[in-house]
Amino acid sequence: MLTYVCLGLLFLFVASRAAAYYFRSRRALSPEKLDQYILTILQTRERENK
């Protein structure tokens, strides 16, 4: 009986991780937006280091 509980919990964990991965991949940035995002981060770090 304990084995079934563990398998059920494992299934719920895997299903939640798969759903999170699916939704995260749907919101992926386009290459242009990703480039702009990285450039913004680098410019911010340059200002902080001055």
PDB file of N, CA and C in Angstrom:
ATOM      1  N   MET A   1       0.829  -1.198   0.000  1.00  0.00           N
ATOM      2  CA  MET A   1       0.000   0.000   0.000  1.00  0.00           C
ATOM      3  C   MET A   1       0.870   1.258   0.000  1.00  0.00           C
ATOM      4  N   LEU A   2       1.933   1.227   0.773  1.00  0.00           N
ATOM      5  CA  LEU A   2       2.852   2.361   0.831  1.00  0.00           C
ATOM      6  C   LEU A   2       3.498   2.605  -0.530  1.00  0.00           C
ATOM      7  N   THR A   3       3.732   1.535  -1.256  1.00  0.00           N
ATOM      8  CA  THR A   3       4.326   1.653  -2.590  1.00  0.00           C
ATOM      9  C   THR A   3       3.415   2.445  -3.516  1.00  0.00           C
ATOM     10  N   TYR A   4       2.119   2.201  -3.451  1.00  0.00           N
ATOM     11  CA  TYR A   4       1.175   2.925  -4.298  1.00  0.00           C
ATOM     12  C   TYR A   4       1.122   4.408  -3.935  1.00  0.00           C
ATOM     13  N   VAL A   5       1.235   4.711  -2.665  1.00  0.00           N
ATOM     14  CA  VAL A   5       1.263   6.110  -2.234  1.00  0.00           C
ATOM     15  C   VAL A   5       2.505   6.793  -2.791  1.00  0.00           C
ATOM     16  N   CYS A   6       3.648   6.132  -2.688  1.00  0.00           N
ATOM     17  CA  CYS A   6       4.894   6.695  -3.218  1.00  0.00           C
ATOM     18  C   CYS A   6       4.818   6.871  -4.730  1.00  0.00           C
ATOM     19  N   LEU A   7       4.262   5.894  -5.423  1.00  0.00           N
ATOM     20  CA  LEU A   7       4.115   6.011  -6.873  1.00  0.00           C
ATOM     21  C   LEU A   7       3.162   7.148  -7.245  1.00  0.00           C
ATOM     22  N   GLY A   8       2.101   7.308  -6.479  1.00  0.00           N
ATOM     23  CA  GLY A   8       1.164   8.403  -6.728  1.00  0.00           C
ATOM     24  C   GLY A   8       1.818   9.759  -6.529  1.00  0.00           C
ATOM     25  N   LEU A   9       2.595   9.895  -5.462  1.00  0.00           N
ATOM     26  CA  LEU A   9       3.303  11.147  -5.224  1.00  0.00           C
ATOM     27  C   LEU A   9       4.333  11.418  -6.311  1.00  0.00           C
ATOM     28  N   LEU A  10       5.025  10.383  -6.731  1.00  0.00           N
ATOM     29  CA  LEU A  10       5.999  10.529  -7.809  1.00  0.00           C
ATOM     30  C   LEU A  10       5.307  10.967  -9.099  1.00  0.00           C
ATOM     31  N   PHE A  11       4.162  10.372  -9.390  1.00  0.00           N
ATOM     32  CA  PHE A  11       3.406  10.751 -10.583  1.00  0.00           C
ATOM     33  C   PHE A  11       2.981  12.212 -10.518  1.00  0.00           C
ATOM     34  N   LEU A  12       2.481  12.655  -9.367  1.00  0.00           N
ATOM     35  CA  LEU A  12       2.069  14.052  -9.225  1.00  0.00           C
ATOM     36  C   LEU A  12       3.255  14.998  -9.387  1.00  0.00           C
ATOM     37  N   PHE A  13       4.395  14.617  -8.834  1.00  0.00           N
ATOM     38  CA  PHE A  13       5.592  15.445  -8.957  1.00  0.00           C
ATOM     39  C   PHE A  13       6.024  15.560 -10.416  1.00  0.00           C
ATOM     40  N   VAL A  14       6.079  14.435 -11.110  1.00  0.00           N
ATOM     41  CA  VAL A  14       6.500  14.436 -12.515  1.00  0.00           C
ATOM     42  C   VAL A  14       5.499  15.213 -13.368  1.00  0.00           C
ATOM     43  N   ALA A  15       4.218  15.049 -13.103  1.00  0.00           N
ATOM     44  CA  ALA A  15       3.201  15.770 -13.873  1.00  0.00           C
ATOM     45  C   ALA A  15       3.315  17.276 -13.648  1.00  0.00           C
ATOM     46  N   SER A  16       3.565  17.693 -12.411  1.00  0.00           N
ATOM     47  CA  SER A  16       3.692  19.127 -12.144  1.00  0.00           C
ATOM     48  C   SER A  16       4.941  19.701 -12.795  1.00  0.00           C
ATOM     49  N   ARG A  17       6.048  18.949 -12.775  1.00  0.00           N
ATOM     50  CA  ARG A  17       7.279  19.432 -13.416  1.00  0.00           C
ATOM     51  C   ARG A  17       7.106  19.499 -14.935  1.00  0.00           C
ATOM     52  N   ALA A  18       6.413  18.534 -15.508  1.00  0.00           N
ATOM     53  CA  ALA A  18       6.178  18.536 -16.953  1.00  0.00           C
ATOM     54  C   ALA A  18       5.291  19.718 -17.342  1.00  0.00           C
ATOM     55  N   ALA A  19       4.276  20.000 -16.547  1.00  0.00           N
ATOM     56  CA  ALA A  19       3.401  21.135 -16.834  1.00  0.00           C
ATOM     57  C   ALA A  19       4.169  22.446 -16.710  1.00  0.00           C
ATOM     58  N   ALA A  20       5.003  22.564 -15.697  1.00  0.00           N
ATOM     59  CA  ALA A  20       5.802  23.781 -15.528  1.00  0.00           C
ATOM     60  C   ALA A  20       6.751  23.966 -16.703  1.00  0.00           C
ATOM     61  N   TYR A  21       7.370  22.901 -17.154  1.00  0.00           N
ATOM     62  CA  TYR A  21       8.280  22.981 -18.300  1.00  0.00           C
ATOM     63  C   TYR A  21       7.521  23.385 -19.560  1.00  0.00           C
ATOM     64  N   TYR A  22       6.344  22.823 -19.748  1.00  0.00           N
ATOM     65  CA  TYR A  22       5.532  23.130 -20.927  1.00  0.00           C
ATOM     66  C   TYR A  22       5.154  24.609 -20.959  1.00  0.00           C
ATOM     67  N   PHE A  23       4.672  25.133 -19.836  1.00  0.00           N
ATOM     68  CA  PHE A  23       4.246  26.527 -19.810  1.00  0.00           C
ATOM     69  C   PHE A  23       5.434  27.478 -19.894  1.00  0.00           C
ATOM     70  N   ARG A  24       6.566  27.088 -19.323  1.00  0.00           N
ATOM     71  CA  ARG A  24       7.759  27.927 -19.407  1.00  0.00           C
ATOM     72  C   ARG A  24       8.274  27.987 -20.844  1.00  0.00           C
ATOM     73  N   SER A  25       8.220  26.879 -21.554  1.00  0.00           N
ATOM     74  CA  SER A  25       8.719  26.864 -22.926  1.00  0.00           C
ATOM     75  C   SER A  25       7.795  27.639 -23.861  1.00  0.00           C
ATOM     76  N   ARG A  26       6.532  27.744 -23.534  1.00  0.00           N
ATOM     77  CA  ARG A  26       5.601  28.515 -24.365  1.00  0.00           C
ATOM     78  C   ARG A  26       5.852  30.003 -24.232  1.00  0.00           C
ATOM     79  N   ARG A  27       6.419  30.430 -23.104  1.00  0.00           N
ATOM     80  CA  ARG A  27       6.683  31.842 -22.881  1.00  0.00           C
ATOM     81  C   ARG A  27       8.123  32.215 -23.211  1.00  0.00           C
ATOM     82  N   ALA A  28       8.803  31.398 -23.963  1.00  0.00           N
ATOM     83  CA  ALA A  28      10.197  31.672 -24.302  1.00  0.00           C
ATOM     84  C   ALA A  28      10.288  32.947 -25.143  1.00  0.00           C
ATOM     85  N   LEU A  29      11.342  33.703 -24.884  1.00  0.00           N
ATOM     86  CA  LEU A  29      11.538  34.948 -25.606  1.00  0.00           C
ATOM     87  C   LEU A  29      12.027  34.681 -27.022  1.00  0.00           C
ATOM     88  N   SER A  30      11.666  35.573 -27.911  1.00  0.00           N
ATOM     89  CA  SER A  30      12.178  35.479 -29.276  1.00  0.00           C
ATOM     90  C   SER A  30      13.662  35.855 -29.249  1.00  0.00           C
ATOM     91  N   PRO A  31      14.433  35.446 -30.238  1.00  0.00           N
ATOM     92  CA  PRO A  31      15.870  35.779 -30.246  1.00  0.00           C
ATOM     93  C   PRO A  31      16.134  37.286 -30.165  1.00  0.00           C
ATOM     94  N   GLU A  32      15.310  38.100 -30.816  1.00  0.00           N
ATOM     95  CA  GLU A  32      15.501  39.548 -30.771  1.00  0.00           C
ATOM     96  C   GLU A  32      15.265  40.092 -29.363  1.00  0.00           C
ATOM     97  N   LYS A  33      14.202  39.627 -28.720  1.00  0.00           N
ATOM     98  CA  LYS A  33      13.914  40.088 -27.365  1.00  0.00           C
ATOM     99  C   LYS A  33      14.960  39.576 -26.383  1.00  0.00           C
ATOM    100  N   LEU A  34      15.452  38.371 -26.606  1.00  0.00           N
ATOM    101  CA  LEU A  34      16.496  37.823 -25.748  1.00  0.00           C
ATOM    102  C   LEU A  34      17.774  38.646 -25.873  1.00  0.00           C
ATOM    103  N   ASP A  35      18.144  39.025 -27.097  1.00  0.00           N
ATOM    104  CA  ASP A  35      19.322  39.868 -27.299  1.00  0.00           C
ATOM    105  C   ASP A  35      19.162  41.206 -26.586  1.00  0.00           C
ATOM    106  N   GLN A  36      17.992  41.804 -26.702  1.00  0.00           N
ATOM    107  CA  GLN A  36      17.740  43.087 -26.044  1.00  0.00           C
ATOM    108  C   GLN A  36      17.800  42.941 -24.527  1.00  0.00           C
ATOM    109  N   TYR A  37      17.280  41.861 -24.003  1.00  0.00           N
ATOM    110  CA  TYR A  37      17.294  41.605 -22.565  1.00  0.00           C
ATOM    111  C   TYR A  37      18.725  41.460 -22.058  1.00  0.00           C
ATOM    112  N   ILE A  38      19.548  40.707 -22.776  1.00  0.00           N
ATOM    113  CA  ILE A  38      20.942  40.509 -22.377  1.00  0.00           C
ATOM    114  C   ILE A  38      21.703  41.826 -22.454  1.00  0.00           C
ATOM    115  N   LEU A  39      21.470  42.609 -23.492  1.00  0.00           N
ATOM    116  CA  LEU A  39      22.129  43.899 -23.637  1.00  0.00           C
ATOM    117  C   LEU A  39      21.763  44.824 -22.484  1.00  0.00           C
ATOM    118  N   THR A  40      20.515  44.822 -22.079  1.00  0.00           N
ATOM    119  CA  THR A  40      20.075  45.646 -20.953  1.00  0.00           C
ATOM    120  C   THR A  40      20.780  45.230 -19.669  1.00  0.00           C
ATOM    121  N   ILE A  41      20.917  43.937 -19.441  1.00  0.00           N
ATOM    122  CA  ILE A  41      21.602  43.444 -18.246  1.00  0.00           C
ATOM    123  C   ILE A  41      23.063  43.874 -18.257  1.00  0.00           C
ATOM    124  N   LEU A  42      23.726  43.733 -19.388  1.00  0.00           N
ATOM    125  CA  LEU A  42      25.135  44.112 -19.480  1.00  0.00           C
ATOM    126  C   LEU A  42      25.329  45.608 -19.265  1.00  0.00           C
ATOM    127  N   GLN A  43      24.449  46.421 -19.809  1.00  0.00           N
ATOM    128  CA  GLN A  43      24.559  47.867 -19.623  1.00  0.00           C
ATOM    129  C   GLN A  43      24.348  48.243 -18.162  1.00  0.00           C
ATOM    130  N   THR A  44      23.430  47.577 -17.494  1.00  0.00           N
ATOM    131  CA  THR A  44      23.185  47.843 -16.080  1.00  0.00           C
ATOM    132  C   THR A  44      24.410  47.483 -15.252  1.00  0.00           C
ATOM    133  N   ARG A  45      25.036  46.371 -15.543  1.00  0.00           N
ATOM    134  CA  ARG A  45      26.232  45.960 -14.805  1.00  0.00           C
ATOM    135  C   ARG A  45      27.394  46.907 -15.057  1.00  0.00           C
ATOM    136  N   GLU A  46      27.514  47.414 -16.276  1.00  0.00           N
ATOM    137  CA  GLU A  46      28.583  48.370 -16.574  1.00  0.00           C
ATOM    138  C   GLU A  46      28.391  49.648 -15.770  1.00  0.00           C
ATOM    139  N   ARG A  47      27.158  50.109 -15.648  1.00  0.00           N
ATOM    140  CA  ARG A  47      26.881  51.319 -14.864  1.00  0.00           C
ATOM    141  C   ARG A  47      27.187  51.098 -13.392  1.00  0.00           C
ATOM    142  N   GLU A  48      26.899  49.905 -12.877  1.00  0.00           N
ATOM    143  CA  GLU A  48      27.153  49.612 -11.470  1.00  0.00           C
ATOM    144  C   GLU A  48      28.642  49.522 -11.175  1.00  0.00           C
ATOM    145  N   ASN A  49      29.444  49.093 -12.128  1.00  0.00           N
ATOM    146  CA  ASN A  49      30.881  48.928 -11.917  1.00  0.00           C
ATOM    147  C   ASN A  49      31.647  50.240 -12.012  1.00  0.00           C
ATOM    148  N   LYS A  50      31.028  51.283 -12.521  1.00  0.00           N
ATOM    149  CA  LYS A  50      31.732  52.570 -12.654  1.00  0.00           C
ATOM    150  C   LYS A  50      31.806  53.302 -11.350  1.00  0.00           C
TER     151      LYS A  50
END
